[in-house]
Amino acid sequence: AITLNAYLLNANNEQVNTPDAQITITDSAGNKQNFSF
């Protein structure tokens, strides 16, 4: 299983995850899938 981690820093370089984060995965054939972290 493939896992991805994402990090968001505020102005003080502190990690926060208040907003939603989205990602689009594209395979070799150009097919796209949308996910939410």
Full PDB file with SEQRES, HELIX, SHEET, SSBOND, CRYST1, ORIGX, SCALE, CONECT and MASTER records, all heavy atoms in Angstrom:
SEQRES   1 A   37  ALA ILE THR LEU ASN ALA TYR LEU LEU ASN ALA ASN ASN          
SEQRES   2 A   37  GLU GLN VAL ASN THR PRO ASP ALA GLN ILE THR ILE THR          
SEQRES   3 A   37  ASP SER ALA GLY ASN LYS GLN ASN PHE SER PHE                  
SHEET    1 AA1 2 GLN A  22  THR A  26  0                                        
SHEET    2 AA1 2 LYS A  32  SER A  36 -1                                        
CRYST1    1.000    1.000    1.000  90.00  90.00  90.00 P 1           1          
ORIGX1      1.000000  0.000000  0.000000        0.00000                         
ORIGX2      0.000000  1.000000  0.000000        0.00000                         
ORIGX3      0.000000  0.000000  1.000000        0.00000                         
SCALE1      1.000000  0.000000  0.000000        0.00000                         
SCALE2      0.000000  1.000000  0.000000        0.00000                         
SCALE3      0.000000  0.000000  1.000000        0.00000                         
ATOM      1  N   ALA A   1       0.842  -1.198   0.000  1.00  0.00           N  
ATOM      2  CA  ALA A   1       0.000   0.000   0.000  1.00  0.00           C  
ATOM      3  C   ALA A   1       0.884   1.258   0.000  1.00  0.00           C  
ATOM      4  O   ALA A   1       1.887   1.327   0.711  1.00  0.00           O  
ATOM      5  CB  ALA A   1      -0.907  -0.005   1.226  1.00  0.00           C  
ATOM      6  N   ILE A   2       0.498   2.232  -0.802  1.00  0.00           N  
ATOM      7  CA  ILE A   2       1.255   3.477  -0.952  1.00  0.00           C  
ATOM      8  C   ILE A   2       0.671   4.526  -0.010  1.00  0.00           C  
ATOM      9  O   ILE A   2      -0.541   4.741   0.016  1.00  0.00           O  
ATOM     10  CB  ILE A   2       1.203   3.967  -2.405  1.00  0.00           C  
ATOM     11  CG1 ILE A   2       1.764   2.896  -3.343  1.00  0.00           C  
ATOM     12  CG2 ILE A   2       1.946   5.285  -2.575  1.00  0.00           C  
ATOM     13  CD1 ILE A   2       1.529   3.179  -4.795  1.00  0.00           C  
ATOM     14  N   THR A   3       1.532   5.182   0.746  1.00  0.00           N  
ATOM     15  CA  THR A   3       1.103   6.211   1.686  1.00  0.00           C  
ATOM     16  C   THR A   3       1.800   7.531   1.374  1.00  0.00           C  
ATOM     17  O   THR A   3       2.973   7.543   0.973  1.00  0.00           O  
ATOM     18  CB  THR A   3       1.401   5.812   3.137  1.00  0.00           C  
ATOM     19  OG1 THR A   3       2.815   5.561   3.290  1.00  0.00           O  
ATOM     20  CG2 THR A   3       0.637   4.552   3.516  1.00  0.00           C  
ATOM     21  N   LEU A   4       1.102   8.621   1.556  1.00  0.00           N  
ATOM     22  CA  LEU A   4       1.646   9.958   1.380  1.00  0.00           C  
ATOM     23  C   LEU A   4       1.385  10.767   2.638  1.00  0.00           C  
ATOM     24  O   LEU A   4       0.322  10.628   3.268  1.00  0.00           O  
ATOM     25  CB  LEU A   4       1.015  10.670   0.179  1.00  0.00           C  
ATOM     26  CG  LEU A   4       1.210  10.063  -1.210  1.00  0.00           C  
ATOM     27  CD1 LEU A   4       0.074   9.106  -1.540  1.00  0.00           C  
ATOM     28  CD2 LEU A   4       1.266  11.164  -2.273  1.00  0.00           C  
ATOM     29  N   ASN A   5       2.328  11.600   2.999  1.00  0.00           N  
ATOM     30  CA  ASN A   5       2.197  12.503   4.138  1.00  0.00           C  
ATOM     31  C   ASN A   5       2.288  13.941   3.647  1.00  0.00           C  
ATOM     32  O   ASN A   5       3.069  14.244   2.735  1.00  0.00           O  
ATOM     33  CB  ASN A   5       3.296  12.231   5.174  1.00  0.00           C  
ATOM     34  CG  ASN A   5       3.251  10.820   5.715  1.00  0.00           C  
ATOM     35  OD1 ASN A   5       2.191  10.340   6.101  1.00  0.00           O  
ATOM     36  ND2 ASN A   5       4.381  10.147   5.737  1.00  0.00           N  
ATOM     37  N   ALA A   6       1.510  14.814   4.230  1.00  0.00           N  
ATOM     38  CA  ALA A   6       1.517  16.229   3.856  1.00  0.00           C  
ATOM     39  C   ALA A   6       1.640  17.079   5.112  1.00  0.00           C  
ATOM     40  O   ALA A   6       1.164  16.692   6.196  1.00  0.00           O  
ATOM     41  CB  ALA A   6       0.252  16.590   3.076  1.00  0.00           C  
ATOM     42  N   TYR A   7       2.299  18.228   4.959  1.00  0.00           N  
ATOM     43  CA  TYR A   7       2.542  19.115   6.092  1.00  0.00           C  
ATOM     44  C   TYR A   7       2.256  20.561   5.674  1.00  0.00           C  
ATOM     45  O   TYR A   7       2.592  20.982   4.561  1.00  0.00           O  
ATOM     46  CB  TYR A   7       3.998  19.001   6.568  1.00  0.00           C  
ATOM     47  CG  TYR A   7       4.420  17.588   6.886  1.00  0.00           C  
ATOM     48  CD1 TYR A   7       5.021  16.794   5.901  1.00  0.00           C  
ATOM     49  CD2 TYR A   7       4.203  17.030   8.140  1.00  0.00           C  
ATOM     50  CE1 TYR A   7       5.402  15.486   6.181  1.00  0.00           C  
ATOM     51  CE2 TYR A   7       4.584  15.724   8.423  1.00  0.00           C  
ATOM     52  CZ  TYR A   7       5.175  14.966   7.437  1.00  0.00           C  
ATOM     53  OH  TYR A   7       5.551  13.675   7.713  1.00  0.00           O  
ATOM     54  N   LEU A   8       1.649  21.292   6.574  1.00  0.00           N  
ATOM     55  CA  LEU A   8       1.348  22.707   6.359  1.00  0.00           C  
ATOM     56  C   LEU A   8       1.891  23.503   7.549  1.00  0.00           C  
ATOM     57  O   LEU A   8       1.623  23.155   8.706  1.00  0.00           O  
ATOM     58  CB  LEU A   8      -0.162  22.930   6.218  1.00  0.00           C  
ATOM     59  CG  LEU A   8      -0.627  24.385   6.081  1.00  0.00           C  
ATOM     60  CD1 LEU A   8      -0.121  24.982   4.765  1.00  0.00           C  
ATOM     61  CD2 LEU A   8      -2.153  24.473   6.157  1.00  0.00           C  
ATOM     62  N   LEU A   9       2.677  24.548   7.264  1.00  0.00           N  
ATOM     63  CA  LEU A   9       3.274  25.370   8.302  1.00  0.00           C  
ATOM     64  C   LEU A   9       2.613  26.741   8.325  1.00  0.00           C  
ATOM     65  O   LEU A   9       2.333  27.330   7.268  1.00  0.00           O  
ATOM     66  CB  LEU A   9       4.780  25.542   8.058  1.00  0.00           C  
ATOM     67  CG  LEU A   9       5.615  24.251   7.988  1.00  0.00           C  
ATOM     68  CD1 LEU A   9       7.079  24.587   7.726  1.00  0.00           C  
ATOM     69  CD2 LEU A   9       5.474  23.438   9.259  1.00  0.00           C  
ATOM     70  N   ASN A  10       2.376  27.249   9.521  1.00  0.00           N  
ATOM     71  CA  ASN A  10       1.846  28.607   9.647  1.00  0.00           C  
ATOM     72  C   ASN A  10       2.989  29.615   9.639  1.00  0.00           C  
ATOM     73  O   ASN A  10       4.149  29.265   9.384  1.00  0.00           O  
ATOM     74  CB  ASN A  10       0.986  28.733  10.907  1.00  0.00           C  
ATOM     75  CG  ASN A  10       1.778  28.449  12.175  1.00  0.00           C  
ATOM     76  OD1 ASN A  10       3.010  28.443  12.170  1.00  0.00           O  
ATOM     77  ND2 ASN A  10       1.075  28.212  13.267  1.00  0.00           N  
ATOM     78  N   ALA A  11       2.696  30.867   9.937  1.00  0.00           N  
ATOM     79  CA  ALA A  11       3.710  31.918   9.879  1.00  0.00           C  
ATOM     80  C   ALA A  11       4.830  31.698  10.887  1.00  0.00           C  
ATOM     81  O   ALA A  11       5.949  32.196  10.705  1.00  0.00           O  
ATOM     82  CB  ALA A  11       3.060  33.279  10.110  1.00  0.00           C  
ATOM     83  N   ASN A  12       4.556  30.957  11.959  1.00  0.00           N  
ATOM     84  CA  ASN A  12       5.576  30.681  12.977  1.00  0.00           C  
ATOM     85  C   ASN A  12       6.263  29.337  12.758  1.00  0.00           C  
ATOM     86  O   ASN A  12       6.903  28.804  13.665  1.00  0.00           O  
ATOM     87  CB  ASN A  12       4.943  30.702  14.377  1.00  0.00           C  
ATOM     88  CG  ASN A  12       4.475  32.086  14.772  1.00  0.00           C  
ATOM     89  OD1 ASN A  12       5.069  33.081  14.376  1.00  0.00           O  
ATOM     90  ND2 ASN A  12       3.396  32.143  15.536  1.00  0.00           N  
ATOM     91  N   ASN A  13       6.098  28.774  11.545  1.00  0.00           N  
ATOM     92  CA  ASN A  13       6.680  27.474  11.206  1.00  0.00           C  
ATOM     93  C   ASN A  13       6.170  26.358  12.119  1.00  0.00           C  
ATOM     94  O   ASN A  13       6.886  25.403  12.421  1.00  0.00           O  
ATOM     95  CB  ASN A  13       8.214  27.525  11.253  1.00  0.00           C  
ATOM     96  CG  ASN A  13       8.797  28.251  10.053  1.00  0.00           C  
ATOM     97  OD1 ASN A  13       8.220  28.252   8.978  1.00  0.00           O  
ATOM     98  ND2 ASN A  13       9.932  28.892  10.259  1.00  0.00           N  
ATOM     99  N   GLU A  14       4.913  26.463  12.519  1.00  0.00           N  
ATOM    100  CA  GLU A  14       4.269  25.425  13.309  1.00  0.00           C  
ATOM    101  C   GLU A  14       3.316  24.638  12.406  1.00  0.00           C  
ATOM    102  O   GLU A  14       2.621  25.216  11.563  1.00  0.00           O  
ATOM    103  CB  GLU A  14       3.496  26.024  14.480  1.00  0.00           C  
ATOM    104  CG  GLU A  14       4.374  26.778  15.471  1.00  0.00           C  
ATOM    105  CD  GLU A  14       3.539  27.537  16.492  1.00  0.00           C  
ATOM    106  OE1 GLU A  14       2.394  27.932  16.154  1.00  0.00           O  
ATOM    107  OE2 GLU A  14       4.034  27.743  17.604  1.00  0.00           O  
ATOM    108  N   GLN A  15       3.303  23.321  12.591  1.00  0.00           N  
ATOM    109  CA  GLN A  15       2.427  22.490  11.770  1.00  0.00           C  
ATOM    110  C   GLN A  15       0.975  22.681  12.166  1.00  0.00           C  
ATOM    111  O   GLN A  15       0.628  22.635  13.350  1.00  0.00           O  
ATOM    112  CB  GLN A  15       2.800  21.014  11.918  1.00  0.00           C  
ATOM    113  CG  GLN A  15       4.070  20.614  11.196  1.00  0.00           C  
ATOM    114  CD  GLN A  15       4.276  19.117  11.193  1.00  0.00           C  
ATOM    115  OE1 GLN A  15       3.374  18.362  11.558  1.00  0.00           O  
ATOM    116  NE2 GLN A  15       5.449  18.675  10.778  1.00  0.00           N  
ATOM    117  N   VAL A  16       0.133  22.882  11.153  1.00  0.00           N  
ATOM    118  CA  VAL A  16      -1.312  23.006  11.362  1.00  0.00           C  
ATOM    119  C   VAL A  16      -2.007  22.184  10.279  1.00  0.00           C  
ATOM    120  O   VAL A  16      -1.447  21.931   9.212  1.00  0.00           O  
ATOM    121  CB  VAL A  16      -1.771  24.480  11.290  1.00  0.00           C  
ATOM    122  CG1 VAL A  16      -1.190  25.278  12.436  1.00  0.00           C  
ATOM    123  CG2 VAL A  16      -1.383  25.109   9.952  1.00  0.00           C  
ATOM    124  N   ASN A  17      -3.210  21.751  10.548  1.00  0.00           N  
ATOM    125  CA  ASN A  17      -3.988  21.024   9.532  1.00  0.00           C  
ATOM    126  C   ASN A  17      -5.461  21.433   9.593  1.00  0.00           C  
ATOM    127  O   ASN A  17      -6.351  20.601   9.477  1.00  0.00           O  
ATOM    128  CB  ASN A  17      -3.831  19.509   9.696  1.00  0.00           C  
ATOM    129  CG  ASN A  17      -4.285  19.012  11.061  1.00  0.00           C  
ATOM    130  OD1 ASN A  17      -4.726  19.798  11.910  1.00  0.00           O  
ATOM    131  ND2 ASN A  17      -4.202  17.712  11.269  1.00  0.00           N  
ATOM    132  N   THR A  18      -5.678  22.734   9.789  1.00  0.00           N  
ATOM    133  CA  THR A  18      -7.046  23.244   9.853  1.00  0.00           C  
ATOM    134  C   THR A  18      -7.771  23.142   8.511  1.00  0.00           C  
ATOM    135  O   THR A  18      -8.889  22.625   8.443  1.00  0.00           O  
ATOM    136  CB  THR A  18      -7.048  24.693  10.348  1.00  0.00           C  
ATOM    137  OG1 THR A  18      -6.328  24.779  11.578  1.00  0.00           O  
ATOM    138  CG2 THR A  18      -8.464  25.191  10.548  1.00  0.00           C  
ATOM    139  N   PRO A  19      -7.184  23.622   7.401  1.00  0.00           N  
ATOM    140  CA  PRO A  19      -7.903  23.539   6.116  1.00  0.00           C  
ATOM    141  C   PRO A  19      -7.835  22.133   5.533  1.00  0.00           C  
ATOM    142  O   PRO A  19      -7.001  21.303   5.931  1.00  0.00           O  
ATOM    143  CB  PRO A  19      -7.146  24.542   5.228  1.00  0.00           C  
ATOM    144  CG  PRO A  19      -5.759  24.559   5.788  1.00  0.00           C  
ATOM    145  CD  PRO A  19      -5.892  24.350   7.269  1.00  0.00           C  
ATOM    146  N   ASP A  20      -8.733  21.859   4.591  1.00  0.00           N  
ATOM    147  CA  ASP A  20      -8.740  20.572   3.895  1.00  0.00           C  
ATOM    148  C   ASP A  20      -7.679  20.572   2.806  1.00  0.00           C  
ATOM    149  O   ASP A  20      -7.444  21.585   2.136  1.00  0.00           O  
ATOM    150  CB  ASP A  20     -10.110  20.299   3.271  1.00  0.00           C  
ATOM    151  CG  ASP A  20     -11.192  20.138   4.335  1.00  0.00           C  
ATOM    152  OD1 ASP A  20     -10.851  19.691   5.448  1.00  0.00           O  
ATOM    153  OD2 ASP A  20     -12.369  20.475   4.050  1.00  0.00           O  
ATOM    154  N   ALA A  21      -7.052  19.421   2.613  1.00  0.00           N  
ATOM    155  CA  ALA A  21      -6.028  19.263   1.581  1.00  0.00           C  
ATOM    156  C   ALA A  21      -6.492  18.214   0.580  1.00  0.00           C  
ATOM    157  O   ALA A  21      -6.956  17.146   0.967  1.00  0.00           O  
ATOM    158  CB  ALA A  21      -4.692  18.849   2.209  1.00  0.00           C  
ATOM    159  N   GLN A  22      -6.388  18.538  -0.696  1.00  0.00           N  
ATOM    160  CA  GLN A  22      -6.784  17.627  -1.770  1.00  0.00           C  
ATOM    161  C   GLN A  22      -5.575  17.261  -2.621  1.00  0.00           C  
ATOM    162  O   GLN A  22      -4.578  17.986  -2.665  1.00  0.00           O  
ATOM    163  CB  GLN A  22      -7.864  18.251  -2.659  1.00  0.00           C  
ATOM    164  CG  GLN A  22      -9.241  18.286  -2.047  1.00  0.00           C  
ATOM    165  CD  GLN A  22      -9.416  19.426  -1.065  1.00  0.00           C  
ATOM    166  OE1 GLN A  22      -8.822  20.492  -1.250  1.00  0.00           O  
ATOM    167  NE2 GLN A  22     -10.209  19.222  -0.032  1.00  0.00           N  
ATOM    168  N   ILE A  23      -5.711  16.140  -3.312  1.00  0.00           N  
ATOM    169  CA  ILE A  23      -4.632  15.676  -4.181  1.00  0.00           C  
ATOM    170  C   ILE A  23      -5.222  14.949  -5.373  1.00  0.00           C  
ATOM    171  O   ILE A  23      -6.274  14.302  -5.259  1.00  0.00           O  
ATOM    172  CB  ILE A  23      -3.651  14.753  -3.407  1.00  0.00           C  
ATOM    173  CG1 ILE A  23      -2.424  14.435  -4.262  1.00  0.00           C  
ATOM    174  CG2 ILE A  23      -4.342  13.481  -2.951  1.00  0.00           C  
ATOM    175  CD1 ILE A  23      -1.330  13.722  -3.488  1.00  0.00           C  
ATOM    176  N   THR A  24      -4.571  15.071  -6.519  1.00  0.00           N  
ATOM    177  CA  THR A  24      -4.964  14.381  -7.752  1.00  0.00           C  
ATOM    178  C   THR A  24      -3.845  13.454  -8.170  1.00  0.00           C  
ATOM    179  O   THR A  24      -2.694  13.886  -8.324  1.00  0.00           O  
ATOM    180  CB  THR A  24      -5.259  15.387  -8.880  1.00  0.00           C  
ATOM    181  OG1 THR A  24      -6.312  16.272  -8.476  1.00  0.00           O  
ATOM    182  CG2 THR A  24      -5.667  14.665 -10.151  1.00  0.00           C  
ATOM    183  N   ILE A  25      -4.174  12.177  -8.339  1.00  0.00           N  
ATOM    184  CA  ILE A  25      -3.194  11.171  -8.759  1.00  0.00           C  
ATOM    185  C   ILE A  25      -3.442  10.853 -10.226  1.00  0.00           C  
ATOM    186  O   ILE A  25      -4.570  10.542 -10.625  1.00  0.00           O  
ATOM    187  CB  ILE A  25      -3.307   9.889  -7.925  1.00  0.00           C  
ATOM    188  CG1 ILE A  25      -3.206  10.203  -6.425  1.00  0.00           C  
ATOM    189  CG2 ILE A  25      -2.240   8.883  -8.334  1.00  0.00           C  
ATOM    190  CD1 ILE A  25      -1.881  10.760  -5.988  1.00  0.00           C  
ATOM    191  N   THR A  26      -2.382  10.910 -11.042  1.00  0.00           N  
ATOM    192  CA  THR A  26      -2.472  10.622 -12.473  1.00  0.00           C  
ATOM    193  C   THR A  26      -1.585   9.435 -12.795  1.00  0.00           C  
ATOM    194  O   THR A  26      -0.393   9.444 -12.453  1.00  0.00           O  
ATOM    195  CB  THR A  26      -2.037  11.835 -13.313  1.00  0.00           C  
ATOM    196  OG1 THR A  26      -2.795  12.994 -12.916  1.00  0.00           O  
ATOM    197  CG2 THR A  26      -2.256  11.570 -14.786  1.00  0.00           C  
ATOM    198  N   ASP A  27      -2.158   8.395 -13.456  1.00  0.00           N  
ATOM    199  CA  ASP A  27      -1.363   7.213 -13.785  1.00  0.00           C  
ATOM    200  C   ASP A  27      -0.696   7.371 -15.142  1.00  0.00           C  
ATOM    201  O   ASP A  27      -0.797   8.425 -15.786  1.00  0.00           O  
ATOM    202  CB  ASP A  27      -2.226   5.949 -13.738  1.00  0.00           C  
ATOM    203  CG  ASP A  27      -3.386   5.983 -14.731  1.00  0.00           C  
ATOM    204  OD1 ASP A  27      -3.350   6.803 -15.676  1.00  0.00           O  
ATOM    205  OD2 ASP A  27      -4.338   5.184 -14.572  1.00  0.00           O  
ATOM    206  N   SER A  28      -0.021   6.310 -15.597  1.00  0.00           N  
ATOM    207  CA  SER A  28       0.742   6.377 -16.850  1.00  0.00           C  
ATOM    208  C   SER A  28      -0.159   6.593 -18.063  1.00  0.00           C  
ATOM    209  O   SER A  28       0.282   7.157 -19.069  1.00  0.00           O  
ATOM    210  CB  SER A  28       1.547   5.085 -17.038  1.00  0.00           C  
ATOM    211  OG  SER A  28       2.404   4.857 -15.942  1.00  0.00           O  
ATOM    212  N   ALA A  29      -1.415   6.155 -17.973  1.00  0.00           N  
ATOM    213  CA  ALA A  29      -2.351   6.310 -19.097  1.00  0.00           C  
ATOM    214  C   ALA A  29      -3.054   7.652 -19.094  1.00  0.00           C  
ATOM    215  O   ALA A  29      -3.865   7.933 -19.977  1.00  0.00           O  
ATOM    216  CB  ALA A  29      -3.380   5.183 -19.071  1.00  0.00           C  
ATOM    217  N   GLY A  30      -2.773   8.504 -18.098  1.00  0.00           N  
ATOM    218  CA  GLY A  30      -3.408   9.813 -18.029  1.00  0.00           C  
ATOM    219  C   GLY A  30      -4.706   9.841 -17.257  1.00  0.00           C  
ATOM    220  O   GLY A  30      -5.362  10.881 -17.189  1.00  0.00           O  
ATOM    221  N   ASN A  31      -5.091   8.712 -16.657  1.00  0.00           N  
ATOM    222  CA  ASN A  31      -6.312   8.674 -15.855  1.00  0.00           C  
ATOM    223  C   ASN A  31      -6.082   9.360 -14.514  1.00  0.00           C  
ATOM    224  O   ASN A  31      -5.060   9.130 -13.856  1.00  0.00           O  
ATOM    225  CB  ASN A  31      -6.746   7.223 -15.629  1.00  0.00           C  
ATOM    226  CG  ASN A  31      -7.024   6.495 -16.933  1.00  0.00           C  
ATOM    227  OD1 ASN A  31      -7.656   7.046 -17.837  1.00  0.00           O  
ATOM    228  ND2 ASN A  31      -6.545   5.266 -17.045  1.00  0.00           N  
ATOM    229  N   LYS A  32      -7.027  10.185 -14.095  1.00  0.00           N  
ATOM    230  CA  LYS A  32      -6.875  10.972 -12.874  1.00  0.00           C  
ATOM    231  C   LYS A  32      -7.889  10.542 -11.818  1.00  0.00           C  
ATOM    232  O   LYS A  32      -9.015  10.171 -12.143  1.00  0.00           O  
ATOM    233  CB  LYS A  32      -7.051  12.465 -13.176  1.00  0.00           C  
ATOM    234  CG  LYS A  32      -5.994  13.032 -14.125  1.00  0.00           C  
ATOM    235  CD  LYS A  32      -6.185  14.533 -14.337  1.00  0.00           C  
ATOM    236  CE  LYS A  32      -5.092  15.095 -15.237  1.00  0.00           C  
ATOM    237  NZ  LYS A  32      -5.232  16.562 -15.422  1.00  0.00           N  
ATOM    238  N   GLN A  33      -7.456  10.589 -10.571  1.00  0.00           N  
ATOM    239  CA  GLN A  33      -8.323  10.310  -9.434  1.00  0.00           C  
ATOM    240  C   GLN A  33      -8.088  11.382  -8.369  1.00  0.00           C  
ATOM    241  O   GLN A  33      -6.945  11.754  -8.095  1.00  0.00           O  
ATOM    242  CB  GLN A  33      -8.039   8.927  -8.840  1.00  0.00           C  
ATOM    243  CG  GLN A  33      -8.554   7.772  -9.668  1.00  0.00           C  
ATOM    244  CD  GLN A  33      -8.325   6.434  -8.979  1.00  0.00           C  
ATOM    245  OE1 GLN A  33      -7.200   5.981  -8.835  1.00  0.00           O  
ATOM    246  NE2 GLN A  33      -9.402   5.810  -8.533  1.00  0.00           N  
ATOM    247  N   ASN A  34      -9.163  11.857  -7.792  1.00  0.00           N  
ATOM    248  CA  ASN A  34      -9.083  12.892  -6.770  1.00  0.00           C  
ATOM    249  C   ASN A  34      -9.290  12.293  -5.379  1.00  0.00           C  
ATOM    250  O   ASN A  34     -10.154  11.431  -5.187  1.00  0.00           O  
ATOM    251  CB  ASN A  34     -10.129  13.990  -7.028  1.00  0.00           C  
ATOM    252  CG  ASN A  34      -9.914  14.696  -8.357  1.00  0.00           C  
ATOM    253  OD1 ASN A  34      -8.777  14.971  -8.742  1.00  0.00           O  
ATOM    254  ND2 ASN A  34     -10.992  14.979  -9.068  1.00  0.00           N  
ATOM    255  N   PHE A  35      -8.485  12.743  -4.418  1.00  0.00           N  
ATOM    256  CA  PHE A  35      -8.572  12.258  -3.048  1.00  0.00           C  
ATOM    257  C   PHE A  35      -8.471  13.444  -2.088  1.00  0.00           C  
ATOM    258  O   PHE A  35      -7.990  14.523  -2.464  1.00  0.00           O  
ATOM    259  CB  PHE A  35      -7.441  11.273  -2.727  1.00  0.00           C  
ATOM    260  CG  PHE A  35      -7.436  10.036  -3.581  1.00  0.00           C  
ATOM    261  CD1 PHE A  35      -6.718  10.002  -4.767  1.00  0.00           C  
ATOM    262  CD2 PHE A  35      -8.148   8.912  -3.203  1.00  0.00           C  
ATOM    263  CE1 PHE A  35      -6.694   8.869  -5.565  1.00  0.00           C  
ATOM    264  CE2 PHE A  35      -8.140   7.774  -3.986  1.00  0.00           C  
ATOM    265  CZ  PHE A  35      -7.419   7.754  -5.167  1.00  0.00           C  
ATOM    266  N   SER A  36      -8.927  13.218  -0.886  1.00  0.00           N  
ATOM    267  CA  SER A  36      -8.769  14.197   0.197  1.00  0.00           C  
ATOM    268  C   SER A  36      -7.907  13.575   1.281  1.00  0.00           C  
ATOM    269  O   SER A  36      -8.088  12.406   1.652  1.00  0.00           O  
ATOM    270  CB  SER A  36     -10.129  14.599   0.778  1.00  0.00           C  
ATOM    271  OG  SER A  36     -10.914  15.277  -0.186  1.00  0.00           O  
ATOM    272  N   PHE A  37      -6.960  14.353   1.787  1.00  0.00           N  
ATOM    273  CA  PHE A  37      -6.088  13.864   2.849  1.00  0.00           C  
ATOM    274  C   PHE A  37      -6.874  13.703   4.156  1.00  0.00           C  
ATOM    275  O   PHE A  37      -7.824  14.459   4.424  1.00  0.00           O  
ATOM    276  CB  PHE A  37      -4.931  14.837   3.084  1.00  0.00           C  
ATOM    277  CG  PHE A  37      -3.802  14.693   2.098  1.00  0.00           C  
ATOM    278  CD1 PHE A  37      -3.727  15.516   0.986  1.00  0.00           C  
ATOM    279  CD2 PHE A  37      -2.818  13.744   2.292  1.00  0.00           C  
ATOM    280  CE1 PHE A  37      -2.683  15.403   0.090  1.00  0.00           C  
ATOM    281  CE2 PHE A  37      -1.769  13.613   1.401  1.00  0.00           C  
ATOM    282  CZ  PHE A  37      -1.697  14.445   0.290  1.00  0.00           C  
TER     283      PHE A  37                                                      
MASTER        0    0    0    0    2    0    0    6  282    1    0    3          
END                                                                             
